[in-house]
Amino acid sequence: MEDLGRCRHLCVDMQRMFAEATPWQIPWMQRVREPVAALSEVHADKTIFTRFLPPKTPGDAFGSWREYYEKWPMMTRSQLGDEMGDIIPELRALVPPATVFDKMTYSPWLDGRLHAYLQHEEVTTLVISGGETDVCVLATVIGAVDLGYYIILLQDAICSTSDETHDASLSLFGSRFSSQLRLARVEDILSSWA
């Protein structure tokens, strides 16, 4: 199926601050932990985890992000603690050989580091998991489409706090991006990578 040498698993923001009891907790994340971990373990060396890292204080943020963190000061690193920004423990155990890319915005593409890394590795296809479907996964997918990657989006390994916008996002991905993206399940990828 996919040429594993040119394919990477890009796992979006499976972090403690979204999995544990915080104002940004995604209860649904518990349902995707196991499939995400199973996929990540198979080829940890071909897995990349992104982390959405809030600023230390609202004043450290720029533009509209400053106002955003003034609304959510309890989610800044000075109040939340740096450890809550880390990926969940079962994924952290895979680093290395898995890789971590930090970002300050929803999209992992803005500073160019991730794209440069993938281009150096001659990656053409991204298998995407993580959260949230309608925020950071959405930004990741749109950016990857713009950069020319083929995308396999794992329906059973992405999550959101909103079923309605999760379902709408999957409908959007499946209908509007069918040339660049296909929807799949973790078992499909595991069997093709076996």
N, C-alpha and C. Protein backbone atom coordinates (compact mmCIF):
# COMPACT_ATOMS: atom_id res chain seq x y z
N MET A 1 0.85 -1.19 0.00
CA MET A 1 0.00 0.00 0.00
C MET A 1 0.89 1.25 0.00
N GLU A 2 1.21 1.80 1.17
CA GLU A 2 2.06 3.00 1.23
C GLU A 2 3.53 2.58 1.28
N ASP A 3 4.38 3.33 0.60
CA ASP A 3 5.82 3.13 0.68
C ASP A 3 6.27 3.67 2.04
N LEU A 4 6.56 2.77 2.96
CA LEU A 4 6.86 3.17 4.33
C LEU A 4 8.08 4.09 4.40
N GLY A 5 9.02 3.93 3.48
CA GLY A 5 10.19 4.79 3.48
C GLY A 5 9.87 6.24 3.20
N ARG A 6 8.77 6.49 2.51
CA ARG A 6 8.39 7.86 2.15
C ARG A 6 7.15 8.33 2.91
N CYS A 7 6.81 7.59 3.94
CA CYS A 7 5.60 7.86 4.72
C CYS A 7 5.98 8.07 6.19
N ARG A 8 5.31 8.99 6.85
CA ARG A 8 5.51 9.21 8.29
C ARG A 8 4.15 9.32 8.97
N HIS A 9 4.14 8.85 10.21
CA HIS A 9 2.96 9.02 11.07
C HIS A 9 3.13 10.34 11.80
N LEU A 10 2.23 11.27 11.57
CA LEU A 10 2.25 12.58 12.22
C LEU A 10 1.11 12.61 13.24
N CYS A 11 1.47 12.56 14.50
CA CYS A 11 0.51 12.51 15.59
C CYS A 11 0.40 13.91 16.21
N VAL A 12 -0.80 14.48 16.13
CA VAL A 12 -1.02 15.87 16.49
C VAL A 12 -1.46 16.02 17.95
N ASP A 13 -0.63 16.64 18.76
CA ASP A 13 -1.00 17.20 20.07
C ASP A 13 -1.69 16.24 21.04
N MET A 14 -1.19 15.02 21.13
CA MET A 14 -1.70 14.09 22.14
C MET A 14 -0.98 14.38 23.45
N GLN A 15 -1.39 15.46 24.08
CA GLN A 15 -0.68 16.01 25.23
C GLN A 15 -1.46 15.87 26.53
N ARG A 16 -0.72 15.91 27.63
CA ARG A 16 -1.33 15.78 28.95
C ARG A 16 -2.37 16.85 29.22
N MET A 17 -2.16 18.08 28.75
CA MET A 17 -3.11 19.16 29.04
C MET A 17 -4.46 18.94 28.36
N PHE A 18 -4.50 18.06 27.36
CA PHE A 18 -5.76 17.72 26.71
C PHE A 18 -6.34 16.40 27.23
N ALA A 19 -5.48 15.58 27.83
CA ALA A 19 -5.91 14.26 28.32
C ALA A 19 -6.31 14.30 29.80
N GLU A 20 -5.79 15.25 30.55
CA GLU A 20 -6.02 15.29 31.99
C GLU A 20 -7.01 16.40 32.36
N ALA A 21 -7.28 16.53 33.64
CA ALA A 21 -8.32 17.45 34.13
C ALA A 21 -7.84 18.91 34.06
N THR A 22 -8.04 19.53 32.90
CA THR A 22 -7.76 20.95 32.70
C THR A 22 -8.98 21.53 31.98
N PRO A 23 -9.08 22.86 31.87
CA PRO A 23 -10.19 23.44 31.09
C PRO A 23 -10.19 23.02 29.62
N TRP A 24 -9.07 22.56 29.12
CA TRP A 24 -8.98 22.13 27.72
C TRP A 24 -9.04 20.62 27.56
N GLN A 25 -9.45 19.90 28.58
CA GLN A 25 -9.50 18.44 28.48
C GLN A 25 -10.45 18.01 27.36
N ILE A 26 -10.02 17.00 26.62
CA ILE A 26 -10.82 16.40 25.55
C ILE A 26 -11.21 15.00 26.03
N PRO A 27 -12.38 14.83 26.60
CA PRO A 27 -12.74 13.51 27.14
C PRO A 27 -12.60 12.38 26.12
N TRP A 28 -12.90 12.68 24.87
CA TRP A 28 -12.85 11.70 23.80
C TRP A 28 -11.41 11.20 23.54
N MET A 29 -10.41 11.94 24.00
CA MET A 29 -9.02 11.52 23.77
C MET A 29 -8.75 10.14 24.37
N GLN A 30 -9.44 9.80 25.45
CA GLN A 30 -9.24 8.49 26.07
C GLN A 30 -9.58 7.36 25.09
N ARG A 31 -10.54 7.58 24.20
CA ARG A 31 -10.93 6.54 23.24
C ARG A 31 -9.92 6.33 22.14
N VAL A 32 -9.10 7.33 21.86
CA VAL A 32 -8.13 7.17 20.77
C VAL A 32 -6.71 6.90 21.26
N ARG A 33 -6.50 6.93 22.56
CA ARG A 33 -5.15 6.69 23.10
C ARG A 33 -4.57 5.36 22.64
N GLU A 34 -5.38 4.31 22.77
CA GLU A 34 -4.89 2.97 22.44
C GLU A 34 -4.54 2.82 20.96
N PRO A 35 -5.45 3.20 20.03
CA PRO A 35 -5.06 3.06 18.63
C PRO A 35 -3.88 3.94 18.23
N VAL A 36 -3.79 5.14 18.79
CA VAL A 36 -2.66 6.02 18.48
C VAL A 36 -1.36 5.39 18.99
N ALA A 37 -1.39 4.87 20.20
CA ALA A 37 -0.19 4.22 20.76
C ALA A 37 0.20 2.98 19.96
N ALA A 38 -0.80 2.19 19.56
CA ALA A 38 -0.51 0.97 18.79
C ALA A 38 0.19 1.31 17.48
N LEU A 39 -0.30 2.32 16.79
CA LEU A 39 0.31 2.72 15.53
C LEU A 39 1.70 3.31 15.77
N SER A 40 1.84 4.12 16.80
CA SER A 40 3.13 4.76 17.10
C SER A 40 4.20 3.74 17.46
N GLU A 41 3.81 2.69 18.15
CA GLU A 41 4.78 1.67 18.58
C GLU A 41 5.32 0.85 17.42
N VAL A 42 4.51 0.62 16.39
CA VAL A 42 4.91 -0.25 15.28
C VAL A 42 6.15 0.28 14.58
N HIS A 43 6.16 1.58 14.28
CA HIS A 43 7.31 2.21 13.65
C HIS A 43 7.58 3.54 14.35
N ALA A 44 8.05 3.45 15.58
CA ALA A 44 8.31 4.68 16.35
C ALA A 44 9.32 5.57 15.63
N ASP A 45 10.25 4.96 14.91
CA ASP A 45 11.25 5.74 14.19
C ASP A 45 10.66 6.54 13.04
N LYS A 46 9.43 6.22 12.65
CA LYS A 46 8.76 6.94 11.56
C LYS A 46 7.56 7.73 12.10
N THR A 47 7.58 8.00 13.41
CA THR A 47 6.51 8.74 14.06
C THR A 47 7.01 10.10 14.52
N ILE A 48 6.19 11.11 14.29
CA ILE A 48 6.49 12.49 14.71
C ILE A 48 5.32 12.97 15.56
N PHE A 49 5.62 13.43 16.77
CA PHE A 49 4.60 14.00 17.65
C PHE A 49 4.73 15.52 17.64
N THR A 50 3.59 16.21 17.46
CA THR A 50 3.62 17.66 17.63
C THR A 50 3.08 18.00 19.01
N ARG A 51 3.55 19.12 19.54
CA ARG A 51 3.06 19.63 20.83
C ARG A 51 2.69 21.09 20.65
N PHE A 52 1.46 21.42 21.03
CA PHE A 52 0.98 22.80 21.04
C PHE A 52 1.36 23.40 22.39
N LEU A 53 2.33 24.31 22.38
CA LEU A 53 2.85 24.86 23.63
C LEU A 53 2.37 26.29 23.85
N PRO A 54 1.59 26.51 24.91
CA PRO A 54 1.16 27.87 25.24
C PRO A 54 2.36 28.72 25.67
N PRO A 55 2.23 30.03 25.63
CA PRO A 55 3.31 30.89 26.10
C PRO A 55 3.42 30.81 27.63
N LYS A 56 4.49 31.37 28.15
CA LYS A 56 4.67 31.41 29.60
C LYS A 56 3.59 32.27 30.25
N THR A 57 3.33 33.42 29.65
CA THR A 57 2.28 34.34 30.14
C THR A 57 1.51 34.88 28.94
N PRO A 58 0.30 35.44 29.15
CA PRO A 58 -0.41 36.04 28.02
C PRO A 58 0.40 37.13 27.33
N GLY A 59 1.19 37.88 28.08
CA GLY A 59 1.99 38.95 27.50
C GLY A 59 3.08 38.46 26.56
N ASP A 60 3.41 37.17 26.64
CA ASP A 60 4.42 36.60 25.74
C ASP A 60 3.83 36.21 24.39
N ALA A 61 2.51 36.25 24.27
CA ALA A 61 1.85 35.88 23.02
C ALA A 61 1.79 37.09 22.08
N PHE A 62 1.54 36.83 20.80
CA PHE A 62 1.52 37.90 19.80
C PHE A 62 0.12 38.04 19.20
N GLY A 63 -0.19 39.25 18.76
CA GLY A 63 -1.43 39.51 18.04
C GLY A 63 -2.66 39.03 18.78
N SER A 64 -3.56 38.38 18.04
CA SER A 64 -4.81 37.89 18.65
C SER A 64 -4.57 36.77 19.64
N TRP A 65 -3.39 36.13 19.58
CA TRP A 65 -3.07 35.09 20.56
C TRP A 65 -2.96 35.68 21.97
N ARG A 66 -2.53 36.92 22.08
CA ARG A 66 -2.45 37.56 23.40
C ARG A 66 -3.84 37.64 24.04
N GLU A 67 -4.82 38.11 23.25
CA GLU A 67 -6.19 38.18 23.76
C GLU A 67 -6.73 36.78 24.09
N TYR A 68 -6.37 35.81 23.27
CA TYR A 68 -6.78 34.43 23.50
C TYR A 68 -6.30 33.94 24.88
N TYR A 69 -5.02 34.18 25.16
CA TYR A 69 -4.47 33.71 26.45
C TYR A 69 -4.87 34.59 27.62
N GLU A 70 -5.31 35.81 27.35
CA GLU A 70 -5.90 36.61 28.43
C GLU A 70 -7.24 35.99 28.86
N LYS A 71 -7.91 35.33 27.92
CA LYS A 71 -9.14 34.60 28.24
C LYS A 71 -8.82 33.28 28.94
N TRP A 72 -7.68 32.69 28.63
CA TRP A 72 -7.28 31.38 29.16
C TRP A 72 -5.96 31.47 29.95
N PRO A 73 -5.80 32.38 30.91
CA PRO A 73 -4.52 32.51 31.60
C PRO A 73 -4.12 31.25 32.37
N MET A 74 -5.11 30.47 32.80
CA MET A 74 -4.81 29.24 33.53
C MET A 74 -4.16 28.18 32.66
N MET A 75 -4.15 28.39 31.33
CA MET A 75 -3.54 27.44 30.41
C MET A 75 -2.17 27.89 29.93
N THR A 76 -1.66 29.00 30.47
CA THR A 76 -0.28 29.40 30.15
C THR A 76 0.67 28.53 30.96
N ARG A 77 1.90 28.44 30.49
CA ARG A 77 2.87 27.55 31.14
C ARG A 77 3.19 27.99 32.57
N SER A 78 3.12 29.30 32.85
CA SER A 78 3.42 29.75 34.21
C SER A 78 2.39 29.23 35.21
N GLN A 79 1.15 29.04 34.78
CA GLN A 79 0.12 28.54 35.68
C GLN A 79 -0.11 27.04 35.54
N LEU A 80 -0.01 26.54 34.32
CA LEU A 80 -0.27 25.14 34.05
C LEU A 80 0.90 24.25 34.43
N GLY A 81 2.11 24.76 34.21
CA GLY A 81 3.32 23.96 34.41
C GLY A 81 3.79 23.37 33.10
N ASP A 82 5.09 23.37 32.88
CA ASP A 82 5.65 22.87 31.63
C ASP A 82 5.31 21.40 31.37
N GLU A 83 5.24 20.60 32.44
CA GLU A 83 5.03 19.16 32.27
C GLU A 83 3.68 18.84 31.62
N MET A 84 2.69 19.71 31.79
CA MET A 84 1.37 19.44 31.20
C MET A 84 1.38 19.64 29.68
N GLY A 85 2.38 20.31 29.16
CA GLY A 85 2.50 20.46 27.72
C GLY A 85 3.10 19.26 27.03
N ASP A 86 3.61 18.31 27.81
CA ASP A 86 4.26 17.14 27.20
C ASP A 86 3.22 16.17 26.65
N ILE A 87 3.68 15.30 25.75
CA ILE A 87 2.80 14.26 25.22
C ILE A 87 2.50 13.24 26.31
N ILE A 88 1.42 12.48 26.13
CA ILE A 88 1.00 11.53 27.14
C ILE A 88 2.09 10.46 27.35
N PRO A 89 2.17 9.89 28.55
CA PRO A 89 3.31 9.03 28.92
C PRO A 89 3.60 7.88 27.97
N GLU A 90 2.57 7.18 27.48
CA GLU A 90 2.83 6.03 26.62
C GLU A 90 3.46 6.44 25.29
N LEU A 91 3.23 7.67 24.86
CA LEU A 91 3.88 8.17 23.65
C LEU A 91 5.26 8.74 23.97
N ARG A 92 5.39 9.42 25.10
CA ARG A 92 6.69 9.95 25.53
C ARG A 92 7.72 8.83 25.61
N ALA A 93 7.30 7.62 26.00
CA ALA A 93 8.21 6.47 26.13
C ALA A 93 8.80 6.06 24.78
N LEU A 94 8.22 6.53 23.68
CA LEU A 94 8.70 6.16 22.34
C LEU A 94 9.73 7.16 21.78
N VAL A 95 10.02 8.22 22.54
CA VAL A 95 10.95 9.27 22.10
C VAL A 95 12.27 9.13 22.85
N PRO A 96 13.41 9.00 22.18
CA PRO A 96 13.54 8.55 20.80
C PRO A 96 13.22 7.05 20.70
N PRO A 97 13.05 6.53 19.52
CA PRO A 97 13.40 7.05 18.21
C PRO A 97 12.35 8.00 17.60
N ALA A 98 11.13 8.04 18.14
CA ALA A 98 10.15 9.01 17.62
C ALA A 98 10.68 10.42 17.84
N THR A 99 10.15 11.36 17.08
CA THR A 99 10.60 12.75 17.10
C THR A 99 9.48 13.65 17.60
N VAL A 100 9.85 14.77 18.23
CA VAL A 100 8.87 15.75 18.71
C VAL A 100 9.14 17.10 18.06
N PHE A 101 8.07 17.73 17.56
CA PHE A 101 8.14 19.10 17.05
C PHE A 101 7.19 19.96 17.85
N ASP A 102 7.71 21.04 18.41
CA ASP A 102 6.89 21.98 19.18
C ASP A 102 6.40 23.11 18.28
N LYS A 103 5.22 23.63 18.63
CA LYS A 103 4.63 24.73 17.87
C LYS A 103 3.87 25.63 18.84
N MET A 104 3.74 26.88 18.47
CA MET A 104 3.03 27.86 19.31
C MET A 104 1.65 28.18 18.76
N THR A 105 1.30 27.62 17.60
CA THR A 105 0.02 27.87 16.94
C THR A 105 -0.62 26.54 16.58
N TYR A 106 -1.82 26.59 16.04
CA TYR A 106 -2.51 25.36 15.66
C TYR A 106 -1.75 24.59 14.58
N SER A 107 -1.17 25.30 13.64
CA SER A 107 -0.48 24.68 12.52
C SER A 107 0.98 24.36 12.87
N PRO A 108 1.46 23.18 12.46
CA PRO A 108 2.87 22.87 12.67
C PRO A 108 3.78 23.34 11.54
N TRP A 109 3.20 24.02 10.55
CA TRP A 109 3.95 24.34 9.32
C TRP A 109 4.54 25.74 9.29
N LEU A 110 4.10 26.64 10.15
CA LEU A 110 4.41 28.06 9.98
C LEU A 110 5.89 28.39 10.05
N ASP A 111 6.65 27.74 10.92
CA ASP A 111 8.06 28.12 11.02
C ASP A 111 8.95 27.37 10.03
N GLY A 112 8.39 26.41 9.29
CA GLY A 112 9.12 25.73 8.23
C GLY A 112 9.98 24.54 8.67
N ARG A 113 10.17 24.35 9.98
CA ARG A 113 11.06 23.28 10.44
C ARG A 113 10.55 21.89 10.09
N LEU A 114 9.26 21.65 10.32
CA LEU A 114 8.71 20.31 10.06
C LEU A 114 8.76 19.99 8.57
N HIS A 115 8.37 20.93 7.74
CA HIS A 115 8.41 20.69 6.29
C HIS A 115 9.85 20.42 5.83
N ALA A 116 10.81 21.20 6.32
CA ALA A 116 12.22 20.98 5.94
C ALA A 116 12.69 19.59 6.37
N TYR A 117 12.31 19.19 7.56
CA TYR A 117 12.67 17.86 8.07
C TYR A 117 12.09 16.76 7.17
N LEU A 118 10.81 16.88 6.84
CA LEU A 118 10.16 15.88 6.00
C LEU A 118 10.75 15.86 4.59
N GLN A 119 11.07 17.02 4.05
CA GLN A 119 11.68 17.08 2.72
C GLN A 119 13.06 16.43 2.73
N HIS A 120 13.82 16.66 3.77
CA HIS A 120 15.14 16.02 3.90
C HIS A 120 15.01 14.50 3.92
N GLU A 121 13.93 14.02 4.54
CA GLU A 121 13.68 12.57 4.62
C GLU A 121 12.96 12.04 3.38
N GLU A 122 12.67 12.91 2.41
CA GLU A 122 11.99 12.56 1.16
C GLU A 122 10.60 11.97 1.41
N VAL A 123 9.91 12.50 2.40
CA VAL A 123 8.57 12.04 2.76
C VAL A 123 7.56 12.64 1.78
N THR A 124 6.63 11.79 1.33
CA THR A 124 5.57 12.23 0.42
C THR A 124 4.18 12.04 1.01
N THR A 125 4.06 11.15 2.01
CA THR A 125 2.75 10.78 2.56
C THR A 125 2.77 10.91 4.08
N LEU A 126 1.68 11.48 4.62
CA LEU A 126 1.54 11.62 6.06
C LEU A 126 0.29 10.87 6.52
N VAL A 127 0.47 10.00 7.51
CA VAL A 127 -0.63 9.34 8.19
C VAL A 127 -0.88 10.17 9.44
N ILE A 128 -2.08 10.76 9.55
CA ILE A 128 -2.33 11.74 10.61
C ILE A 128 -3.31 11.21 11.64
N SER A 129 -2.92 11.39 12.92
CA SER A 129 -3.76 11.03 14.07
C SER A 129 -3.71 12.20 15.06
N GLY A 130 -4.50 12.11 16.14
CA GLY A 130 -4.39 13.09 17.22
C GLY A 130 -5.63 13.96 17.39
N GLY A 131 -5.43 15.16 17.92
CA GLY A 131 -6.56 16.02 18.24
C GLY A 131 -6.20 17.49 18.09
N GLU A 132 -7.15 18.33 18.05
CA GLU A 132 -8.55 18.06 17.82
C GLU A 132 -8.84 18.09 16.33
N THR A 133 -9.77 17.26 15.92
CA THR A 133 -10.13 17.12 14.51
C THR A 133 -10.41 18.46 13.85
N ASP A 134 -11.12 19.32 14.55
CA ASP A 134 -11.62 20.57 13.98
C ASP A 134 -10.77 21.79 14.33
N VAL A 135 -9.59 21.56 14.91
CA VAL A 135 -8.71 22.69 15.24
C VAL A 135 -7.30 22.35 14.75
N CYS A 136 -6.47 21.72 15.58
CA CYS A 136 -5.07 21.47 15.20
C CYS A 136 -4.93 20.42 14.11
N VAL A 137 -5.77 19.39 14.12
CA VAL A 137 -5.72 18.41 13.02
C VAL A 137 -6.13 19.10 11.72
N LEU A 138 -7.17 19.91 11.78
CA LEU A 138 -7.60 20.67 10.60
C LEU A 138 -6.47 21.54 10.06
N ALA A 139 -5.81 22.29 10.93
CA ALA A 139 -4.70 23.16 10.50
C ALA A 139 -3.56 22.34 9.92
N THR A 140 -3.30 21.18 10.51
CA THR A 140 -2.23 20.30 10.03
C THR A 140 -2.56 19.76 8.65
N VAL A 141 -3.79 19.31 8.47
CA VAL A 141 -4.20 18.75 7.18
C VAL A 141 -4.19 19.82 6.09
N ILE A 142 -4.76 20.97 6.34
CA ILE A 142 -4.80 22.04 5.32
C ILE A 142 -3.39 22.45 4.92
N GLY A 143 -2.51 22.62 5.89
CA GLY A 143 -1.12 22.98 5.58
C GLY A 143 -0.42 21.90 4.78
N ALA A 144 -0.67 20.63 5.14
CA ALA A 144 -0.04 19.52 4.41
C ALA A 144 -0.54 19.46 2.97
N VAL A 145 -1.83 19.71 2.77
CA VAL A 145 -2.38 19.77 1.41
C VAL A 145 -1.68 20.88 0.63
N ASP A 146 -1.55 22.05 1.23
CA ASP A 146 -0.90 23.18 0.55
C ASP A 146 0.54 22.85 0.18
N LEU A 147 1.21 22.05 0.99
CA LEU A 147 2.61 21.70 0.75
C LEU A 147 2.77 20.49 -0.16
N GLY A 148 1.66 19.88 -0.57
CA GLY A 148 1.72 18.81 -1.56
C GLY A 148 1.84 17.40 -1.02
N TYR A 149 1.63 17.20 0.27
CA TYR A 149 1.70 15.85 0.82
C TYR A 149 0.41 15.09 0.53
N TYR A 150 0.54 13.79 0.33
CA TYR A 150 -0.62 12.92 0.34
C TYR A 150 -0.94 12.63 1.79
N ILE A 151 -2.22 12.54 2.12
CA ILE A 151 -2.63 12.41 3.52
C ILE A 151 -3.55 11.22 3.69
N ILE A 152 -3.26 10.44 4.72
CA ILE A 152 -4.16 9.39 5.18
C ILE A 152 -4.59 9.81 6.57
N LEU A 153 -5.87 10.13 6.71
CA LEU A 153 -6.41 10.61 7.98
C LEU A 153 -7.13 9.45 8.66
N LEU A 154 -6.70 9.16 9.88
CA LEU A 154 -7.21 8.00 10.60
C LEU A 154 -8.47 8.34 11.39
N GLN A 155 -9.61 7.91 10.89
CA GLN A 155 -10.90 8.25 11.50
C GLN A 155 -11.03 7.78 12.93
N ASP A 156 -10.41 6.65 13.26
CA ASP A 156 -10.54 6.10 14.60
C ASP A 156 -9.37 6.48 15.51
N ALA A 157 -8.56 7.44 15.07
CA ALA A 157 -7.42 7.88 15.89
C ALA A 157 -7.33 9.40 15.93
N ILE A 158 -8.47 10.06 15.69
CA ILE A 158 -8.56 11.51 15.86
C ILE A 158 -9.75 11.80 16.77
N CYS A 159 -9.70 12.93 17.46
CA CYS A 159 -10.74 13.23 18.44
C CYS A 159 -10.99 14.73 18.54
N SER A 160 -12.14 15.05 19.12
CA SER A 160 -12.53 16.44 19.32
C SER A 160 -13.42 16.54 20.56
N THR A 161 -13.60 17.75 21.05
CA THR A 161 -14.56 17.95 22.13
C THR A 161 -15.98 18.05 21.57
N SER A 162 -16.12 18.20 20.27
CA SER A 162 -17.43 18.39 19.65
C SER A 162 -17.68 17.33 18.60
N ASP A 163 -18.66 16.46 18.84
CA ASP A 163 -19.03 15.46 17.84
C ASP A 163 -19.50 16.12 16.55
N GLU A 164 -20.25 17.20 16.69
CA GLU A 164 -20.82 17.87 15.52
C GLU A 164 -19.74 18.41 14.59
N THR A 165 -18.76 19.13 15.12
CA THR A 165 -17.72 19.68 14.25
C THR A 165 -16.71 18.61 13.83
N HIS A 166 -16.52 17.58 14.65
CA HIS A 166 -15.69 16.44 14.24
C HIS A 166 -16.30 15.80 12.98
N ASP A 167 -17.60 15.49 13.06
CA ASP A 167 -18.27 14.85 11.91
C ASP A 167 -18.27 15.76 10.69
N ALA A 168 -18.49 17.06 10.90
CA ALA A 168 -18.47 18.01 9.79
C ALA A 168 -17.08 18.08 9.16
N SER A 169 -16.05 18.03 9.99
CA SER A 169 -14.68 18.06 9.47
C SER A 169 -14.38 16.82 8.63
N LEU A 170 -14.80 15.65 9.11
CA LEU A 170 -14.58 14.42 8.33
C LEU A 170 -15.32 14.48 7.00
N SER A 171 -16.52 15.03 7.02
CA SER A 171 -17.28 15.18 5.77
C SER A 171 -16.56 16.13 4.81
N LEU A 172 -16.05 17.22 5.34
CA LEU A 172 -15.29 18.18 4.54
C LEU A 172 -14.05 17.52 3.94
N PHE A 173 -13.28 16.84 4.78
CA PHE A 173 -12.06 16.19 4.31
C PHE A 173 -12.38 15.18 3.20
N GLY A 174 -13.39 14.35 3.44
CA GLY A 174 -13.72 13.29 2.49
C GLY A 174 -14.28 13.79 1.17
N SER A 175 -15.01 14.91 1.21
CA SER A 175 -15.65 15.38 -0.02
C SER A 175 -14.85 16.43 -0.78
N ARG A 176 -14.16 17.31 -0.07
CA ARG A 176 -13.49 18.42 -0.75
C ARG A 176 -12.01 18.17 -1.04
N PHE A 177 -11.40 17.19 -0.36
CA PHE A 177 -9.96 16.96 -0.53
C PHE A 177 -9.66 15.53 -0.99
N SER A 178 -10.58 14.94 -1.74
CA SER A 178 -10.44 13.53 -2.09
C SER A 178 -9.24 13.24 -2.99
N SER A 179 -8.70 14.24 -3.67
CA SER A 179 -7.51 14.02 -4.49
C SER A 179 -6.24 13.98 -3.65
N GLN A 180 -6.26 14.66 -2.52
CA GLN A 180 -5.07 14.72 -1.67
C GLN A 180 -5.16 13.88 -0.41
N LEU A 181 -6.36 13.44 -0.06
CA LEU A 181 -6.57 12.82 1.24
C LEU A 181 -7.50 11.63 1.12
N ARG A 182 -7.20 10.61 1.90
CA ARG A 182 -8.17 9.52 2.04
C ARG A 182 -8.35 9.20 3.51
N LEU A 183 -9.55 8.81 3.86
CA LEU A 183 -9.87 8.42 5.22
C LEU A 183 -9.58 6.93 5.37
N ALA A 184 -9.03 6.54 6.50
CA ALA A 184 -8.70 5.13 6.75
C ALA A 184 -8.86 4.86 8.25
N ARG A 185 -8.62 3.61 8.60
CA ARG A 185 -8.66 3.20 10.00
C ARG A 185 -7.28 2.69 10.39
N VAL A 186 -6.99 2.69 11.67
CA VAL A 186 -5.67 2.27 12.15
C VAL A 186 -5.37 0.85 11.69
N GLU A 187 -6.33 -0.06 11.76
CA GLU A 187 -6.07 -1.45 11.37
C GLU A 187 -5.65 -1.55 9.90
N ASP A 188 -6.16 -0.66 9.04
CA ASP A 188 -5.75 -0.66 7.63
C ASP A 188 -4.25 -0.36 7.51
N ILE A 189 -3.80 0.64 8.26
CA ILE A 189 -2.39 1.02 8.20
C ILE A 189 -1.52 -0.04 8.84
N LEU A 190 -1.93 -0.56 9.99
CA LEU A 190 -1.15 -1.60 10.66
C LEU A 190 -0.97 -2.81 9.76
N SER A 191 -2.02 -3.23 9.05
CA SER A 191 -1.91 -4.39 8.19
C SER A 191 -1.02 -4.09 6.98
N SER A 192 -1.10 -2.87 6.45
CA SER A 192 -0.26 -2.55 5.28
C SER A 192 1.20 -2.37 5.67
N TRP A 193 1.46 -2.01 6.93
CA TRP A 193 2.84 -1.83 7.39
C TRP A 193 3.43 -3.11 7.99
N ALA A 194 2.63 -4.16 8.11
CA ALA A 194 3.11 -5.39 8.76
C ALA A 194 4.21 -6.04 7.91
